[in-house]
Amino acid sequence: MNDTDRSAIEAVIESQRLAWNRGDAKAFSAAFKSDGCFVNVFGALSYGRELFEAQHAKIFSTVYQESSVKLPIRRTHFLRPDVALVDIDAELTTRKGAPPGLRTEPDGIIRTRLQEVLVKDQGMWMVASFHNVDIKPGMPS
């Protein structure tokens, strides 16, 4: 709940951004807990780092190949000193456009609301839950 914890959480999110932009699923998954929960932008639910990494390896080599993401943090809320809820306004730019079922804004960017729950485990901040949803037309900011 101090500046050190806030900075460490920001570093986790920044490492995700850098890993995504390199297409590196292993690095993108590095801070994901082995039993973490993942809900993707289409609502599919999975558990565990292995599946999280495999799903990202697949999209990094197909639909989101050579994509780039921005992950500006909207809000970090400490539920307890060792649990933080992080709201992120994700912006994804792709060369291939949006996959079926998602829409892009007129500027070609896919915008989503990403919410991550991070827990401090043995002194390190880890992602326990990663929930992503696309922004629908007319949704309030």
C-alpha atoms as a PDB file:
ATOM      1  CA  MET A   1       0.000   0.000   0.000  1.00  0.00           C
ATOM      2  CA  ASN A   2       3.078   2.161  -0.115  1.00  0.00           C
ATOM      3  CA  ASP A   3       4.890   3.737  -3.033  1.00  0.00           C
ATOM      4  CA  THR A   4       7.186   0.711  -3.326  1.00  0.00           C
ATOM      5  CA  ASP A   5       4.220  -1.647  -3.785  1.00  0.00           C
ATOM      6  CA  ARG A   6       2.523   0.714  -6.237  1.00  0.00           C
ATOM      7  CA  SER A   7       5.749   0.960  -8.267  1.00  0.00           C
ATOM      8  CA  ALA A   8       6.180  -2.819  -8.231  1.00  0.00           C
ATOM      9  CA  ILE A   9       2.634  -3.288  -9.555  1.00  0.00           C
ATOM     10  CA  GLU A  10       3.229  -0.684 -12.269  1.00  0.00           C
ATOM     11  CA  ALA A  11       6.387  -2.607 -13.217  1.00  0.00           C
ATOM     12  CA  VAL A  12       4.361  -5.830 -13.619  1.00  0.00           C
ATOM     13  CA  ILE A  13       1.938  -4.066 -15.981  1.00  0.00           C
ATOM     14  CA  GLU A  14       4.806  -2.454 -17.894  1.00  0.00           C
ATOM     15  CA  SER A  15       6.515  -5.835 -18.282  1.00  0.00           C
ATOM     16  CA  GLN A  16       3.253  -7.198 -19.724  1.00  0.00           C
ATOM     17  CA  ARG A  17       3.118  -4.317 -22.214  1.00  0.00           C
ATOM     18  CA  LEU A  18       6.699  -4.856 -23.321  1.00  0.00           C
ATOM     19  CA  ALA A  19       6.239  -8.633 -23.611  1.00  0.00           C
ATOM     20  CA  TRP A  20       3.032  -8.253 -25.658  1.00  0.00           C
ATOM     21  CA  ASN A  21       4.735  -5.818 -28.025  1.00  0.00           C
ATOM     22  CA  ARG A  22       7.533  -8.374 -28.556  1.00  0.00           C
ATOM     23  CA  GLY A  23       5.021 -11.210 -28.995  1.00  0.00           C
ATOM     24  CA  ASP A  24       6.650 -13.036 -26.080  1.00  0.00           C
ATOM     25  CA  ALA A  25       4.015 -15.234 -24.412  1.00  0.00           C
ATOM     26  CA  LYS A  26       6.435 -16.645 -21.843  1.00  0.00           C
ATOM     27  CA  ALA A  27       7.434 -13.185 -20.602  1.00  0.00           C
ATOM     28  CA  PHE A  28       3.808 -11.992 -20.786  1.00  0.00           C
ATOM     29  CA  SER A  29       2.848 -14.867 -18.471  1.00  0.00           C
ATOM     30  CA  ALA A  30       5.785 -14.593 -16.086  1.00  0.00           C
ATOM     31  CA  ALA A  31       3.862 -12.809 -13.299  1.00  0.00           C
ATOM     32  CA  PHE A  32       0.698 -14.900 -13.766  1.00  0.00           C
ATOM     33  CA  LYS A  33       0.107 -17.232 -10.814  1.00  0.00           C
ATOM     34  CA  SER A  34       0.267 -20.949 -11.541  1.00  0.00           C
ATOM     35  CA  ASP A  35      -3.407 -21.220 -10.496  1.00  0.00           C
ATOM     36  CA  GLY A  36      -4.483 -17.803 -11.826  1.00  0.00           C
ATOM     37  CA  CYS A  37      -7.851 -17.122 -13.453  1.00  0.00           C
ATOM     38  CA  PHE A  38      -8.119 -15.727 -17.002  1.00  0.00           C
ATOM     39  CA  VAL A  39     -11.236 -14.425 -18.736  1.00  0.00           C
ATOM     40  CA  ASN A  40     -10.463 -13.337 -22.279  1.00  0.00           C
ATOM     41  CA  VAL A  41     -12.184 -10.620 -24.265  1.00  0.00           C
ATOM     42  CA  PHE A  42     -14.767 -13.111 -25.566  1.00  0.00           C
ATOM     43  CA  GLY A  43     -15.631 -14.399 -22.085  1.00  0.00           C
ATOM     44  CA  ALA A  44     -13.752 -17.702 -22.265  1.00  0.00           C
ATOM     45  CA  LEU A  45     -12.595 -18.814 -18.834  1.00  0.00           C
ATOM     46  CA  SER A  46      -9.417 -20.731 -18.065  1.00  0.00           C
ATOM     47  CA  TYR A  47      -7.195 -21.413 -15.091  1.00  0.00           C
ATOM     48  CA  GLY A  48      -3.453 -21.722 -14.750  1.00  0.00           C
ATOM     49  CA  ARG A  49      -0.300 -20.141 -16.113  1.00  0.00           C
ATOM     50  CA  GLU A  50       0.266 -22.921 -18.666  1.00  0.00           C
ATOM     51  CA  LEU A  51      -3.058 -22.255 -20.412  1.00  0.00           C
ATOM     52  CA  PHE A  52      -2.614 -18.495 -20.118  1.00  0.00           C
ATOM     53  CA  GLU A  53       0.783 -18.739 -21.788  1.00  0.00           C
ATOM     54  CA  ALA A  54      -0.428 -21.189 -24.469  1.00  0.00           C
ATOM     55  CA  GLN A  55      -3.398 -19.008 -25.375  1.00  0.00           C
ATOM     56  CA  HIS A  56      -1.159 -15.973 -25.726  1.00  0.00           C
ATOM     57  CA  ALA A  57       1.438 -17.880 -27.743  1.00  0.00           C
ATOM     58  CA  LYS A  58      -1.355 -18.807 -30.142  1.00  0.00           C
ATOM     59  CA  ILE A  59      -2.722 -15.284 -30.580  1.00  0.00           C
ATOM     60  CA  PHE A  60       0.771 -13.767 -30.814  1.00  0.00           C
ATOM     61  CA  SER A  61       1.470 -16.055 -33.783  1.00  0.00           C
ATOM     62  CA  THR A  62      -1.922 -15.552 -35.458  1.00  0.00           C
ATOM     63  CA  VAL A  63      -4.546 -12.829 -35.055  1.00  0.00           C
ATOM     64  CA  TYR A  64      -2.405 -10.513 -32.894  1.00  0.00           C
ATOM     65  CA  GLN A  65       0.885 -11.145 -34.662  1.00  0.00           C
ATOM     66  CA  GLU A  66       2.862  -7.885 -34.822  1.00  0.00           C
ATOM     67  CA  SER A  67       0.251  -6.090 -32.728  1.00  0.00           C
ATOM     68  CA  SER A  68       1.051  -3.493 -30.100  1.00  0.00           C
ATOM     69  CA  VAL A  69      -0.679  -2.634 -26.872  1.00  0.00           C
ATOM     70  CA  LYS A  70      -0.813   0.297 -24.494  1.00  0.00           C
ATOM     71  CA  LEU A  71      -1.794  -0.459 -20.887  1.00  0.00           C
ATOM     72  CA  PRO A  72      -2.414   2.822 -19.063  1.00  0.00           C
ATOM     73  CA  ILE A  73      -3.481   2.201 -15.494  1.00  0.00           C
ATOM     74  CA  ARG A  74      -6.727   3.956 -14.628  1.00  0.00           C
ATOM     75  CA  ARG A  75      -6.791   3.014 -10.959  1.00  0.00           C
ATOM     76  CA  THR A  76      -4.963   0.868  -8.439  1.00  0.00           C
ATOM     77  CA  HIS A  77      -6.990   0.030  -5.358  1.00  0.00           C
ATOM     78  CA  PHE A  78      -5.435  -1.876  -2.478  1.00  0.00           C
ATOM     79  CA  LEU A  79      -8.074  -4.195  -1.028  1.00  0.00           C
ATOM     80  CA  ARG A  80      -5.535  -5.256   1.601  1.00  0.00           C
ATOM     81  CA  PRO A  81      -1.824  -4.536   1.886  1.00  0.00           C
ATOM     82  CA  ASP A  82      -1.151  -7.718  -0.128  1.00  0.00           C
ATOM     83  CA  VAL A  83      -4.055  -7.564  -2.632  1.00  0.00           C
ATOM     84  CA  ALA A  84      -4.532  -4.916  -5.326  1.00  0.00           C
ATOM     85  CA  LEU A  85      -7.252  -4.391  -7.911  1.00  0.00           C
ATOM     86  CA  VAL A  86      -5.834  -2.736 -11.031  1.00  0.00           C
ATOM     87  CA  ASP A  87      -8.101  -1.195 -13.689  1.00  0.00           C
ATOM     88  CA  ILE A  88      -6.434  -0.689 -17.074  1.00  0.00           C
ATOM     89  CA  ASP A  89      -7.709   1.049 -20.224  1.00  0.00           C
ATOM     90  CA  ALA A  90      -6.086  -1.221 -22.805  1.00  0.00           C
ATOM     91  CA  GLU A  91      -5.583  -0.091 -26.402  1.00  0.00           C
ATOM     92  CA  LEU A  92      -4.620  -2.684 -28.988  1.00  0.00           C
ATOM     93  CA  THR A  93      -3.406  -1.849 -32.475  1.00  0.00           C
ATOM     94  CA  THR A  94      -3.264  -4.715 -34.957  1.00  0.00           C
ATOM     95  CA  ARG A  95      -2.090  -5.082 -38.522  1.00  0.00           C
ATOM     96  CA  LYS A  96      -4.833  -7.615 -39.219  1.00  0.00           C
ATOM     97  CA  GLY A  97      -7.815  -5.729 -37.783  1.00  0.00           C
ATOM     98  CA  ALA A  98     -10.151  -7.006 -35.130  1.00  0.00           C
ATOM     99  CA  PRO A  99     -10.909 -10.712 -34.920  1.00  0.00           C
ATOM    100  CA  PRO A 100     -14.526 -11.727 -35.570  1.00  0.00           C
ATOM    101  CA  GLY A 101     -16.751 -10.613 -32.719  1.00  0.00           C
ATOM    102  CA  LEU A 102     -14.678  -7.573 -31.739  1.00  0.00           C
ATOM    103  CA  ARG A 103     -14.899  -4.119 -33.149  1.00  0.00           C
ATOM    104  CA  THR A 104     -12.369  -1.418 -33.691  1.00  0.00           C
ATOM    105  CA  GLU A 105     -12.870   2.274 -33.162  1.00  0.00           C
ATOM    106  CA  PRO A 106     -12.753   4.527 -36.246  1.00  0.00           C
ATOM    107  CA  ASP A 107      -9.034   4.988 -35.510  1.00  0.00           C
ATOM    108  CA  GLY A 108      -8.522   1.208 -35.901  1.00  0.00           C
ATOM    109  CA  ILE A 109      -7.809   0.594 -32.201  1.00  0.00           C
ATOM    110  CA  ILE A 110      -9.447  -2.159 -30.151  1.00  0.00           C
ATOM    111  CA  ARG A 111     -10.234  -0.740 -26.724  1.00  0.00           C
ATOM    112  CA  THR A 112     -10.866  -2.959 -23.725  1.00  0.00           C
ATOM    113  CA  ARG A 113     -11.302  -2.713 -19.998  1.00  0.00           C
ATOM    114  CA  LEU A 114      -8.737  -4.925 -18.347  1.00  0.00           C
ATOM    115  CA  GLN A 115      -8.989  -5.671 -14.656  1.00  0.00           C
ATOM    116  CA  GLU A 116      -6.207  -7.515 -12.892  1.00  0.00           C
ATOM    117  CA  VAL A 117      -6.112  -8.703  -9.303  1.00  0.00           C
ATOM    118  CA  LEU A 118      -2.554  -8.867  -8.036  1.00  0.00           C
ATOM    119  CA  VAL A 119      -1.452 -10.532  -4.827  1.00  0.00           C
ATOM    120  CA  LYS A 120       1.832 -10.141  -3.018  1.00  0.00           C
ATOM    121  CA  ASP A 121       3.259 -13.646  -2.777  1.00  0.00           C
ATOM    122  CA  GLN A 122       6.626 -14.146  -1.073  1.00  0.00           C
ATOM    123  CA  GLY A 123       7.448 -10.471  -1.610  1.00  0.00           C
ATOM    124  CA  MET A 124       6.514 -10.448  -5.324  1.00  0.00           C
ATOM    125  CA  TRP A 125       3.349  -9.086  -6.932  1.00  0.00           C
ATOM    126  CA  MET A 126       1.667 -11.787  -9.023  1.00  0.00           C
ATOM    127  CA  VAL A 127      -1.473 -11.768 -11.179  1.00  0.00           C
ATOM    128  CA  ALA A 128      -4.185 -13.917  -9.584  1.00  0.00           C
ATOM    129  CA  SER A 129      -6.960 -12.827 -11.968  1.00  0.00           C
ATOM    130  CA  PHE A 130      -6.900 -11.273 -15.442  1.00  0.00           C
ATOM    131  CA  HIS A 131     -10.303 -10.231 -16.800  1.00  0.00           C
ATOM    132  CA  ASN A 132     -10.597  -8.470 -20.149  1.00  0.00           C
ATOM    133  CA  VAL A 133     -13.746  -7.155 -21.864  1.00  0.00           C
ATOM    134  CA  ASP A 134     -14.154  -5.115 -25.028  1.00  0.00           C
ATOM    135  CA  ILE A 135     -15.832  -1.739 -24.829  1.00  0.00           C
ATOM    136  CA  LYS A 136     -19.236  -1.753 -26.491  1.00  0.00           C
ATOM    137  CA  PRO A 137     -20.666   1.257 -28.329  1.00  0.00           C
ATOM    138  CA  GLY A 138     -22.318   3.719 -25.978  1.00  0.00           C
ATOM    139  CA  MET A 139     -20.605   2.368 -22.857  1.00  0.00           C
ATOM    140  CA  PRO A 140     -19.751   5.103 -20.375  1.00  0.00           C
ATOM    141  CA  SER A 141     -16.063   5.773 -19.794  1.00  0.00           C
END
